[in-house]
N, C-alpha and C. Protein backbone atom coordinates (compact mmCIF):
# COMPACT_ATOMS: atom_id res chain seq x y z
N ASP A 1 75.48 140.36 222.59
CA ASP A 1 74.21 140.61 221.95
C ASP A 1 74.15 139.79 220.67
N ASP A 2 72.98 139.33 220.33
CA ASP A 2 72.84 138.53 219.12
C ASP A 2 71.57 138.90 218.36
N ALA A 3 71.57 138.53 217.09
CA ALA A 3 70.41 138.75 216.23
C ALA A 3 70.26 137.53 215.34
N ILE A 4 69.03 137.20 215.03
CA ILE A 4 68.72 136.03 214.20
C ILE A 4 67.87 136.52 213.03
N SER A 5 68.14 135.98 211.85
CA SER A 5 67.26 136.24 210.71
C SER A 5 67.12 134.97 209.89
N ILE A 6 66.06 134.90 209.13
CA ILE A 6 65.75 133.70 208.36
C ILE A 6 65.23 134.11 206.99
N GLN A 7 65.67 133.37 205.98
CA GLN A 7 65.19 133.57 204.61
C GLN A 7 64.72 132.22 204.08
N LYS A 8 63.46 132.12 203.75
CA LYS A 8 62.91 130.89 203.19
C LYS A 8 63.04 130.97 201.68
N ARG A 9 63.68 129.97 201.10
CA ARG A 9 63.83 129.88 199.64
C ARG A 9 62.97 128.71 199.16
N ASP A 10 62.93 128.46 197.85
CA ASP A 10 62.12 127.37 197.29
C ASP A 10 62.50 126.01 197.86
N ASN A 11 63.78 125.71 197.89
CA ASN A 11 64.21 124.37 198.30
C ASN A 11 65.16 124.38 199.51
N CYS A 12 65.24 125.53 200.18
CA CYS A 12 66.11 125.60 201.35
C CYS A 12 65.70 126.76 202.24
N THR A 13 66.32 126.79 203.41
CA THR A 13 66.15 127.89 204.34
C THR A 13 67.54 128.39 204.71
N GLU A 14 67.70 129.70 204.70
CA GLU A 14 68.95 130.31 205.12
C GLU A 14 68.73 130.91 206.51
N LEU A 15 69.49 130.42 207.46
CA LEU A 15 69.43 130.90 208.83
C LEU A 15 70.69 131.71 209.09
N TYR A 16 70.52 132.92 209.56
CA TYR A 16 71.65 133.79 209.89
C TYR A 16 71.67 134.03 211.39
N ILE A 17 72.83 133.84 211.97
CA ILE A 17 73.03 134.11 213.39
C ILE A 17 74.13 135.16 213.47
N HIS A 18 73.83 136.30 214.05
CA HIS A 18 74.77 137.41 214.14
C HIS A 18 75.10 137.64 215.62
N ILE A 19 76.37 137.69 215.92
CA ILE A 19 76.81 137.93 217.30
C ILE A 19 77.67 139.20 217.30
N ALA A 20 77.35 140.12 218.19
CA ALA A 20 78.06 141.39 218.25
C ALA A 20 79.56 141.16 218.38
N ASP A 21 80.34 141.92 217.63
CA ASP A 21 81.80 141.80 217.66
C ASP A 21 82.36 142.65 218.79
N VAL A 22 82.50 142.03 219.93
CA VAL A 22 83.02 142.71 221.12
C VAL A 22 84.54 142.87 221.03
N SER A 23 85.20 141.95 220.35
CA SER A 23 86.67 141.93 220.32
C SER A 23 87.27 143.18 219.68
N THR A 24 86.52 143.87 218.85
CA THR A 24 87.01 145.11 218.26
C THR A 24 87.17 146.19 219.32
N PHE A 25 86.32 146.14 220.35
CA PHE A 25 86.30 147.20 221.36
C PHE A 25 86.92 146.79 222.69
N VAL A 26 87.10 145.49 222.91
CA VAL A 26 87.70 145.00 224.15
C VAL A 26 88.93 144.19 223.77
N LYS A 27 90.07 144.78 223.97
CA LYS A 27 91.32 144.13 223.60
C LYS A 27 91.74 143.13 224.68
N GLU A 28 92.37 142.05 224.23
CA GLU A 28 92.82 141.00 225.15
C GLU A 28 93.75 141.58 226.21
N ASN A 29 93.49 141.18 227.46
CA ASN A 29 94.25 141.59 228.65
C ASN A 29 94.07 143.05 229.04
N SER A 30 93.16 143.77 228.39
CA SER A 30 92.87 145.15 228.79
C SER A 30 92.11 145.12 230.11
N ASN A 31 91.93 146.30 230.72
CA ASN A 31 91.15 146.39 231.98
C ASN A 31 89.74 145.84 231.78
N ASN A 32 89.10 146.20 230.66
CA ASN A 32 87.74 145.70 230.39
C ASN A 32 87.73 144.19 230.25
N ASP A 33 88.75 143.64 229.60
CA ASP A 33 88.86 142.19 229.43
C ASP A 33 89.03 141.52 230.79
N GLN A 34 89.86 142.09 231.65
CA GLN A 34 90.08 141.52 232.98
C GLN A 34 88.80 141.57 233.84
N CYS A 35 88.07 142.68 233.75
CA CYS A 35 86.78 142.79 234.48
C CYS A 35 85.79 141.75 233.98
N ALA A 36 85.73 141.59 232.67
CA ALA A 36 84.81 140.60 232.09
C ALA A 36 85.20 139.19 232.53
N LEU A 37 86.49 138.93 232.58
CA LEU A 37 86.97 137.62 233.03
C LEU A 37 86.57 137.36 234.48
N GLU A 38 86.69 138.37 235.32
CA GLU A 38 86.31 138.22 236.74
C GLU A 38 84.81 138.00 236.90
N ARG A 39 84.00 138.75 236.18
CA ARG A 39 82.54 138.62 236.30
C ARG A 39 82.04 137.35 235.61
N GLY A 40 82.61 137.06 234.45
CA GLY A 40 82.26 135.84 233.74
C GLY A 40 80.91 135.84 233.06
N ASN A 41 80.06 136.79 233.38
CA ASN A 41 78.70 136.78 232.86
C ASN A 41 78.04 138.11 233.18
N SER A 42 76.95 138.40 232.51
CA SER A 42 76.09 139.52 232.91
C SER A 42 75.02 138.93 233.82
N TYR A 43 74.59 139.70 234.80
CA TYR A 43 73.60 139.22 235.77
C TYR A 43 72.37 140.10 235.71
N TYR A 44 71.22 139.47 235.58
CA TYR A 44 69.97 140.18 235.39
C TYR A 44 69.11 140.06 236.65
N PHE A 45 68.93 141.19 237.31
CA PHE A 45 68.10 141.26 238.50
C PHE A 45 66.84 142.05 238.15
N ILE A 46 65.80 141.91 238.96
CA ILE A 46 64.56 142.65 238.72
C ILE A 46 64.84 144.15 238.74
N GLU A 47 65.65 144.60 239.69
CA GLU A 47 65.92 146.02 239.87
C GLU A 47 66.95 146.57 238.91
N GLN A 48 67.90 145.72 238.49
CA GLN A 48 68.99 146.22 237.65
C GLN A 48 69.72 145.07 236.98
N THR A 49 70.56 145.43 236.04
CA THR A 49 71.42 144.46 235.38
C THR A 49 72.86 144.82 235.72
N THR A 50 73.65 143.81 236.06
CA THR A 50 75.08 144.00 236.26
C THR A 50 75.76 143.41 235.03
N HIS A 51 76.29 144.28 234.20
CA HIS A 51 76.88 143.85 232.94
C HIS A 51 78.29 143.32 233.14
N MET A 52 78.66 142.38 232.29
CA MET A 52 79.99 141.82 232.30
C MET A 52 81.00 142.89 231.88
N LEU A 53 80.61 143.74 230.96
CA LEU A 53 81.44 144.84 230.47
C LEU A 53 80.83 146.15 230.95
N PRO A 54 81.58 147.25 230.88
CA PRO A 54 80.99 148.55 231.25
C PRO A 54 79.70 148.81 230.47
N GLU A 55 78.79 149.51 231.13
CA GLU A 55 77.45 149.70 230.56
C GLU A 55 77.47 150.35 229.17
N TYR A 56 78.34 151.35 228.97
CA TYR A 56 78.36 152.01 227.66
C TYR A 56 78.74 151.04 226.53
N LEU A 57 79.54 150.02 226.84
CA LEU A 57 79.86 149.00 225.84
C LEU A 57 78.69 148.02 225.69
N SER A 58 78.19 147.53 226.83
CA SER A 58 77.14 146.50 226.82
C SER A 58 75.83 146.97 226.19
N THR A 59 75.46 148.20 226.45
CA THR A 59 74.14 148.66 226.01
C THR A 59 74.17 149.54 224.77
N ASP A 60 75.38 149.89 224.31
CA ASP A 60 75.44 150.76 223.14
C ASP A 60 76.41 150.21 222.10
N ILE A 61 77.67 150.45 222.26
CA ILE A 61 78.66 150.14 221.22
C ILE A 61 78.69 148.65 220.85
N CYS A 62 78.60 147.78 221.83
CA CYS A 62 78.65 146.33 221.56
C CYS A 62 77.26 145.71 221.54
N SER A 63 76.25 146.52 221.46
CA SER A 63 74.88 146.03 221.40
C SER A 63 74.34 146.23 219.99
N LEU A 64 73.57 145.28 219.52
CA LEU A 64 73.00 145.37 218.17
C LEU A 64 71.76 146.25 218.20
N VAL A 65 71.98 147.53 218.39
CA VAL A 65 70.92 148.53 218.52
C VAL A 65 70.17 148.66 217.20
N PRO A 66 68.84 148.53 217.23
CA PRO A 66 68.07 148.64 215.99
C PRO A 66 68.32 149.95 215.25
N GLY A 67 68.46 149.83 213.94
CA GLY A 67 68.64 151.01 213.10
C GLY A 67 70.06 151.55 213.05
N GLU A 68 70.98 150.94 213.79
CA GLU A 68 72.36 151.40 213.84
C GLU A 68 73.28 150.36 213.22
N LYS A 69 74.30 150.81 212.48
CA LYS A 69 75.29 149.89 211.94
C LYS A 69 76.12 149.35 213.10
N ARG A 70 76.28 148.02 213.12
CA ARG A 70 77.06 147.38 214.17
C ARG A 70 77.92 146.28 213.58
N LEU A 71 79.11 146.12 214.15
CA LEU A 71 80.02 145.05 213.75
C LEU A 71 79.54 143.74 214.36
N ALA A 72 79.61 142.68 213.57
CA ALA A 72 79.16 141.37 214.06
C ALA A 72 80.00 140.27 213.43
N LEU A 73 79.99 139.13 214.07
CA LEU A 73 80.46 137.90 213.47
C LEU A 73 79.18 137.16 213.09
N SER A 74 79.05 136.87 211.81
CA SER A 74 77.82 136.26 211.32
C SER A 74 78.06 134.84 210.86
N LEU A 75 77.03 134.05 210.98
CA LEU A 75 77.04 132.66 210.54
C LEU A 75 75.83 132.48 209.62
N LYS A 76 76.10 132.04 208.39
CA LYS A 76 75.02 131.73 207.45
C LYS A 76 74.95 130.21 207.34
N ILE A 77 73.78 129.65 207.62
CA ILE A 77 73.57 128.21 207.54
C ILE A 77 72.48 127.96 206.50
N THR A 78 72.79 127.12 205.53
CA THR A 78 71.79 126.73 204.53
C THR A 78 71.30 125.33 204.88
N LEU A 79 69.99 125.23 205.10
CA LEU A 79 69.36 123.97 205.49
C LEU A 79 68.42 123.51 204.38
N ASN A 80 68.44 122.21 204.08
CA ASN A 80 67.50 121.70 203.07
C ASN A 80 66.13 121.50 203.70
N THR A 81 65.18 120.98 202.92
CA THR A 81 63.80 120.82 203.40
C THR A 81 63.68 119.79 204.52
N LYS A 82 64.70 118.93 204.69
CA LYS A 82 64.71 117.94 205.78
C LYS A 82 65.47 118.47 207.00
N CYS A 83 65.79 119.76 206.97
CA CYS A 83 66.49 120.42 208.06
C CYS A 83 67.94 119.90 208.23
N GLN A 84 68.51 119.45 207.13
CA GLN A 84 69.92 119.02 207.13
C GLN A 84 70.76 120.19 206.65
N ILE A 85 71.93 120.33 207.25
CA ILE A 85 72.81 121.42 206.88
C ILE A 85 73.47 121.11 205.53
N GLU A 86 73.23 121.96 204.57
CA GLU A 86 73.84 121.83 203.24
C GLU A 86 75.23 122.48 203.25
N ASN A 87 75.32 123.67 203.85
CA ASN A 87 76.60 124.34 204.02
C ASN A 87 76.46 125.45 205.04
N PHE A 88 77.61 125.96 205.47
CA PHE A 88 77.61 127.06 206.41
C PHE A 88 78.89 127.86 206.22
N SER A 89 78.84 129.12 206.61
CA SER A 89 80.04 129.96 206.57
C SER A 89 79.97 131.03 207.64
N PHE A 90 81.14 131.31 208.21
CA PHE A 90 81.30 132.39 209.18
C PHE A 90 81.92 133.57 208.45
N PHE A 91 81.50 134.77 208.80
CA PHE A 91 82.11 135.94 208.18
C PHE A 91 81.89 137.17 209.06
N GLU A 92 82.82 138.10 208.96
CA GLU A 92 82.66 139.37 209.66
C GLU A 92 81.66 140.20 208.87
N SER A 93 80.84 140.94 209.59
CA SER A 93 79.80 141.70 208.90
C SER A 93 79.50 143.01 209.61
N VAL A 94 78.80 143.84 208.90
CA VAL A 94 78.20 145.04 209.48
C VAL A 94 76.71 144.84 209.28
N ILE A 95 75.97 144.83 210.38
CA ILE A 95 74.52 144.61 210.26
C ILE A 95 73.75 145.80 210.82
N ILE A 96 72.54 145.92 210.37
CA ILE A 96 71.59 146.87 210.93
C ILE A 96 70.39 146.05 211.38
N SER A 97 70.25 145.92 212.67
CA SER A 97 69.12 145.16 213.22
C SER A 97 67.83 145.95 213.01
N ASN A 98 66.77 145.23 212.65
CA ASN A 98 65.48 145.88 212.43
C ASN A 98 64.76 146.20 213.74
N GLN A 99 64.87 145.29 214.69
CA GLN A 99 64.09 145.45 215.90
C GLN A 99 64.71 144.64 217.02
N LYS A 100 64.55 145.13 218.23
CA LYS A 100 65.03 144.41 219.41
C LYS A 100 63.79 143.90 220.15
N PHE A 101 63.78 142.60 220.40
CA PHE A 101 62.64 141.99 221.08
C PHE A 101 63.06 141.47 222.45
N HIS A 102 62.14 141.53 223.36
CA HIS A 102 62.30 140.85 224.64
C HIS A 102 61.64 139.49 224.48
N TYR A 103 62.09 138.50 225.24
CA TYR A 103 61.54 137.15 225.13
C TYR A 103 60.02 137.13 225.27
N ASP A 104 59.49 137.94 226.18
CA ASP A 104 58.03 137.98 226.38
C ASP A 104 57.30 138.47 225.13
N GLU A 105 57.89 139.43 224.42
CA GLU A 105 57.27 139.94 223.20
C GLU A 105 57.22 138.85 222.12
N VAL A 106 58.32 138.12 221.98
CA VAL A 106 58.36 137.04 220.98
C VAL A 106 57.37 135.96 221.35
N GLU A 107 57.26 135.67 222.62
CA GLU A 107 56.31 134.65 223.09
C GLU A 107 54.88 135.02 222.69
N LYS A 108 54.52 136.29 222.84
CA LYS A 108 53.18 136.74 222.45
C LYS A 108 52.97 136.61 220.95
N ILE A 109 54.01 136.92 220.18
CA ILE A 109 53.91 136.80 218.71
C ILE A 109 53.70 135.35 218.31
N ILE A 110 54.44 134.43 218.94
CA ILE A 110 54.31 133.00 218.63
C ILE A 110 52.87 132.54 218.81
N HIS A 111 52.21 133.04 219.84
CA HIS A 111 50.86 132.59 220.17
C HIS A 111 49.76 133.45 219.54
N SER A 112 50.12 134.51 218.84
CA SER A 112 49.10 135.39 218.27
C SER A 112 48.58 134.84 216.94
N LYS A 113 47.43 135.30 216.56
CA LYS A 113 46.82 134.91 215.29
C LYS A 113 47.28 135.84 214.18
N LYS A 114 47.88 136.97 214.54
CA LYS A 114 48.32 137.96 213.55
C LYS A 114 49.48 137.40 212.74
N ASP A 115 49.61 137.92 211.53
CA ASP A 115 50.66 137.46 210.63
C ASP A 115 51.13 138.62 209.77
N GLY A 116 52.20 138.41 209.05
CA GLY A 116 52.71 139.41 208.13
C GLY A 116 54.03 140.00 208.61
N GLY A 117 54.90 140.30 207.66
CA GLY A 117 56.18 140.95 207.96
C GLY A 117 57.02 140.18 208.95
N ILE A 118 57.48 140.88 209.95
CA ILE A 118 58.38 140.28 210.94
C ILE A 118 57.68 139.22 211.79
N LEU A 119 56.36 139.33 211.93
CA LEU A 119 55.60 138.31 212.67
C LEU A 119 55.72 136.96 211.97
N THR A 120 55.61 136.98 210.65
CA THR A 120 55.74 135.76 209.86
C THR A 120 57.14 135.18 210.00
N GLN A 121 58.14 136.06 209.97
CA GLN A 121 59.54 135.60 210.10
C GLN A 121 59.77 134.92 211.44
N ILE A 122 59.22 135.48 212.50
CA ILE A 122 59.38 134.89 213.83
C ILE A 122 58.71 133.52 213.89
N LYS A 123 57.53 133.41 213.29
CA LYS A 123 56.82 132.13 213.29
C LYS A 123 57.57 131.08 212.46
N LYS A 124 58.18 131.52 211.35
CA LYS A 124 59.00 130.59 210.55
C LYS A 124 60.22 130.15 211.34
N LEU A 125 60.82 131.07 212.06
CA LEU A 125 61.98 130.72 212.89
C LEU A 125 61.57 129.74 213.98
N LYS A 126 60.39 129.92 214.54
CA LYS A 126 59.89 128.99 215.57
C LYS A 126 59.74 127.59 214.99
N LEU A 127 59.15 127.48 213.82
CA LEU A 127 59.00 126.16 213.18
C LEU A 127 60.36 125.52 212.90
N LEU A 128 61.30 126.32 212.41
CA LEU A 128 62.63 125.81 212.11
C LEU A 128 63.34 125.35 213.38
N THR A 129 63.30 126.15 214.43
CA THR A 129 64.00 125.77 215.66
C THR A 129 63.34 124.57 216.33
N ASP A 130 62.04 124.41 216.16
CA ASP A 130 61.37 123.20 216.66
C ASP A 130 61.93 121.96 215.96
N LYS A 131 62.11 122.05 214.64
CA LYS A 131 62.67 120.93 213.88
C LYS A 131 64.12 120.66 214.29
N LEU A 132 64.89 121.73 214.45
CA LEU A 132 66.29 121.57 214.86
C LEU A 132 66.38 120.92 216.24
N ARG A 133 65.52 121.33 217.15
CA ARG A 133 65.51 120.78 218.50
C ARG A 133 65.15 119.29 218.48
N LYS A 134 64.10 118.96 217.73
CA LYS A 134 63.67 117.56 217.63
C LYS A 134 64.79 116.70 217.05
N LYS A 135 65.44 117.21 216.04
CA LYS A 135 66.53 116.48 215.41
C LYS A 135 67.71 116.31 216.37
N ARG A 136 68.07 117.38 217.08
CA ARG A 136 69.18 117.32 218.04
C ARG A 136 68.89 116.32 219.16
N LEU A 137 67.69 116.35 219.69
CA LEU A 137 67.34 115.46 220.79
C LEU A 137 67.24 114.01 220.35
N SER A 138 66.93 113.78 219.07
CA SER A 138 66.82 112.40 218.57
C SER A 138 68.20 111.75 218.38
N LYS A 139 69.24 112.55 218.36
CA LYS A 139 70.60 112.04 218.15
C LYS A 139 71.42 112.14 219.43
N ASP A 140 70.91 111.57 220.49
CA ASP A 140 71.61 111.57 221.78
C ASP A 140 71.85 112.97 222.34
N GLY A 141 71.06 113.93 221.90
CA GLY A 141 71.16 115.27 222.47
C GLY A 141 70.53 115.28 223.85
N PHE A 142 70.82 116.29 224.59
CA PHE A 142 70.19 116.37 225.90
C PHE A 142 69.38 117.65 226.00
N ASN A 143 68.35 117.56 226.82
CA ASN A 143 67.43 118.66 227.02
C ASN A 143 68.01 119.64 228.03
N LEU A 144 68.07 120.88 227.69
CA LEU A 144 68.64 121.89 228.57
C LEU A 144 67.57 122.59 229.41
N ASP A 145 66.48 121.92 229.66
CA ASP A 145 65.41 122.54 230.43
C ASP A 145 65.88 122.83 231.85
N SER A 146 66.12 124.08 232.09
CA SER A 146 66.46 124.51 233.45
C SER A 146 65.85 125.88 233.64
N ASN A 147 65.34 126.12 234.80
CA ASN A 147 64.72 127.40 235.08
C ASN A 147 65.76 128.39 235.56
N GLU A 148 65.61 129.63 235.11
CA GLU A 148 66.47 130.70 235.58
C GLU A 148 65.95 131.17 236.93
N THR A 149 66.87 131.63 237.74
CA THR A 149 66.50 132.18 239.03
C THR A 149 66.71 133.69 238.98
N PHE A 150 65.68 134.44 239.36
CA PHE A 150 65.81 135.88 239.47
C PHE A 150 65.81 136.26 240.95
N PHE A 151 66.63 137.24 241.29
CA PHE A 151 66.76 137.67 242.67
C PHE A 151 66.18 139.05 242.83
N GLU A 152 65.45 139.23 243.92
CA GLU A 152 64.94 140.54 244.29
C GLU A 152 65.91 141.10 245.31
N LEU A 153 66.33 142.35 245.11
CA LEU A 153 67.32 142.97 245.99
C LEU A 153 66.69 144.05 246.86
N ASP A 154 67.27 144.24 248.06
CA ASP A 154 66.82 145.36 248.88
C ASP A 154 67.55 146.63 248.42
N LYS A 155 67.34 147.74 249.15
CA LYS A 155 67.92 149.02 248.74
C LYS A 155 69.44 149.02 248.77
N LYS A 156 70.02 148.10 249.54
CA LYS A 156 71.48 148.00 249.63
C LYS A 156 72.06 147.02 248.61
N GLY A 157 71.18 146.42 247.81
CA GLY A 157 71.65 145.48 246.81
C GLY A 157 71.82 144.07 247.32
N ILE A 158 71.28 143.79 248.50
CA ILE A 158 71.36 142.46 249.10
C ILE A 158 70.16 141.63 248.64
N PRO A 159 70.39 140.41 248.16
CA PRO A 159 69.26 139.57 247.75
C PRO A 159 68.33 139.27 248.93
N ILE A 160 67.02 139.49 248.73
CA ILE A 160 66.05 139.21 249.79
C ILE A 160 65.06 138.13 249.38
N LYS A 161 64.88 137.91 248.09
CA LYS A 161 63.98 136.88 247.59
C LYS A 161 64.53 136.34 246.29
N SER A 162 64.15 135.13 246.00
CA SER A 162 64.47 134.57 244.68
C SER A 162 63.23 133.86 244.17
N HIS A 163 63.12 133.81 242.87
CA HIS A 163 62.03 133.03 242.29
C HIS A 163 62.46 132.50 240.92
N LYS A 164 61.88 131.38 240.58
CA LYS A 164 62.18 130.74 239.30
C LYS A 164 61.33 131.39 238.22
N VAL A 165 61.93 131.52 237.05
CA VAL A 165 61.22 132.08 235.91
C VAL A 165 60.98 130.96 234.92
N LYS A 166 59.75 130.85 234.49
CA LYS A 166 59.38 129.80 233.56
C LYS A 166 60.13 129.99 232.23
N LYS A 167 60.66 128.90 231.71
CA LYS A 167 61.34 128.94 230.42
C LYS A 167 60.30 129.06 229.32
N LEU A 168 60.51 130.01 228.43
CA LEU A 168 59.57 130.27 227.35
C LEU A 168 60.03 129.61 226.05
N GLN A 169 59.10 129.45 225.13
CA GLN A 169 59.45 128.92 223.81
C GLN A 169 60.43 129.84 223.10
N SER A 170 60.31 131.14 223.35
CA SER A 170 61.24 132.11 222.75
C SER A 170 62.66 131.89 223.25
N HIS A 171 62.81 131.47 224.51
CA HIS A 171 64.15 131.11 225.03
C HIS A 171 64.71 129.93 224.24
N GLU A 172 63.86 128.94 224.02
CA GLU A 172 64.29 127.72 223.30
C GLU A 172 64.70 128.03 221.88
N MET A 173 64.03 128.99 221.24
CA MET A 173 64.39 129.37 219.87
C MET A 173 65.84 129.88 219.82
N ILE A 174 66.17 130.80 220.70
CA ILE A 174 67.52 131.36 220.72
C ILE A 174 68.51 130.31 221.16
N GLU A 175 68.14 129.52 222.15
CA GLU A 175 69.01 128.44 222.64
C GLU A 175 69.39 127.49 221.50
N GLU A 176 68.43 127.08 220.69
CA GLU A 176 68.69 126.16 219.58
C GLU A 176 69.64 126.79 218.57
N CYS A 177 69.42 128.05 218.26
CA CYS A 177 70.30 128.74 217.31
C CYS A 177 71.72 128.84 217.85
N MET A 178 71.86 129.15 219.13
CA MET A 178 73.19 129.29 219.73
C MET A 178 73.90 127.94 219.85
N LEU A 179 73.15 126.90 220.16
CA LEU A 179 73.75 125.56 220.21
C LEU A 179 74.26 125.16 218.83
N LEU A 180 73.48 125.44 217.80
CA LEU A 180 73.90 125.13 216.44
C LEU A 180 75.12 125.96 216.05
N ALA A 181 75.12 127.23 216.40
CA ALA A 181 76.28 128.09 216.09
C ALA A 181 77.54 127.57 216.78
N ASN A 182 77.41 127.18 218.03
CA ASN A 182 78.57 126.64 218.76
C ASN A 182 79.07 125.34 218.16
N LYS A 183 78.14 124.48 217.77
CA LYS A 183 78.51 123.21 217.14
C LYS A 183 79.28 123.45 215.85
N LEU A 184 78.78 124.38 215.03
CA LEU A 184 79.43 124.66 213.76
C LEU A 184 80.76 125.40 213.94
N ALA A 185 80.86 126.23 214.98
CA ALA A 185 82.13 126.89 215.29
C ALA A 185 83.18 125.85 215.68
N ALA A 186 82.77 124.87 216.49
CA ALA A 186 83.69 123.79 216.89
C ALA A 186 84.12 122.98 215.67
N LYS A 187 83.19 122.73 214.77
CA LYS A 187 83.50 121.98 213.55
C LYS A 187 84.49 122.77 212.68
N LYS A 188 84.29 124.08 212.59
CA LYS A 188 85.16 124.94 211.79
C LYS A 188 86.57 124.96 212.37
N VAL A 189 86.66 125.05 213.68
CA VAL A 189 87.97 125.11 214.35
C VAL A 189 88.64 123.76 214.25
């Protein structure tokens, strides 16, 4: 689970990327770790989700549930007005997420005329991630445009249909933040 926040300052922008700290609850080589290794991913079907970890971990303890204190690994990135990274730092944190959004909800906010509060923050994040994407692609970056496939299952859990899901701008916002976080994690290591 992840959370993103943004703070606009006079001459910079602070981007925070928070990733739920699963390692506190899933110890290396434990049964949960072995199950996660075998599954390799969570799978999202129309009828249900098959989590990489047990559901109580995935949807509660290791999820950034709004209004609840949760352990996270956070990344603070300070960007100047030209969207260049001035500095960054990783740190363990306890966060309280304000709200949990689905991609469709964020997409509606991006296209709405309404403004104020968290709506403004989402629109600022959209502008920032657009700049980050443009900058990444201009430097021999590659476009990750790929459609997700969703499967429709019968009563026995057997796939009976599949369909492509259109990639939303809200997907690209999170994708850009995660690509940047991974790049900076590699640089740190």
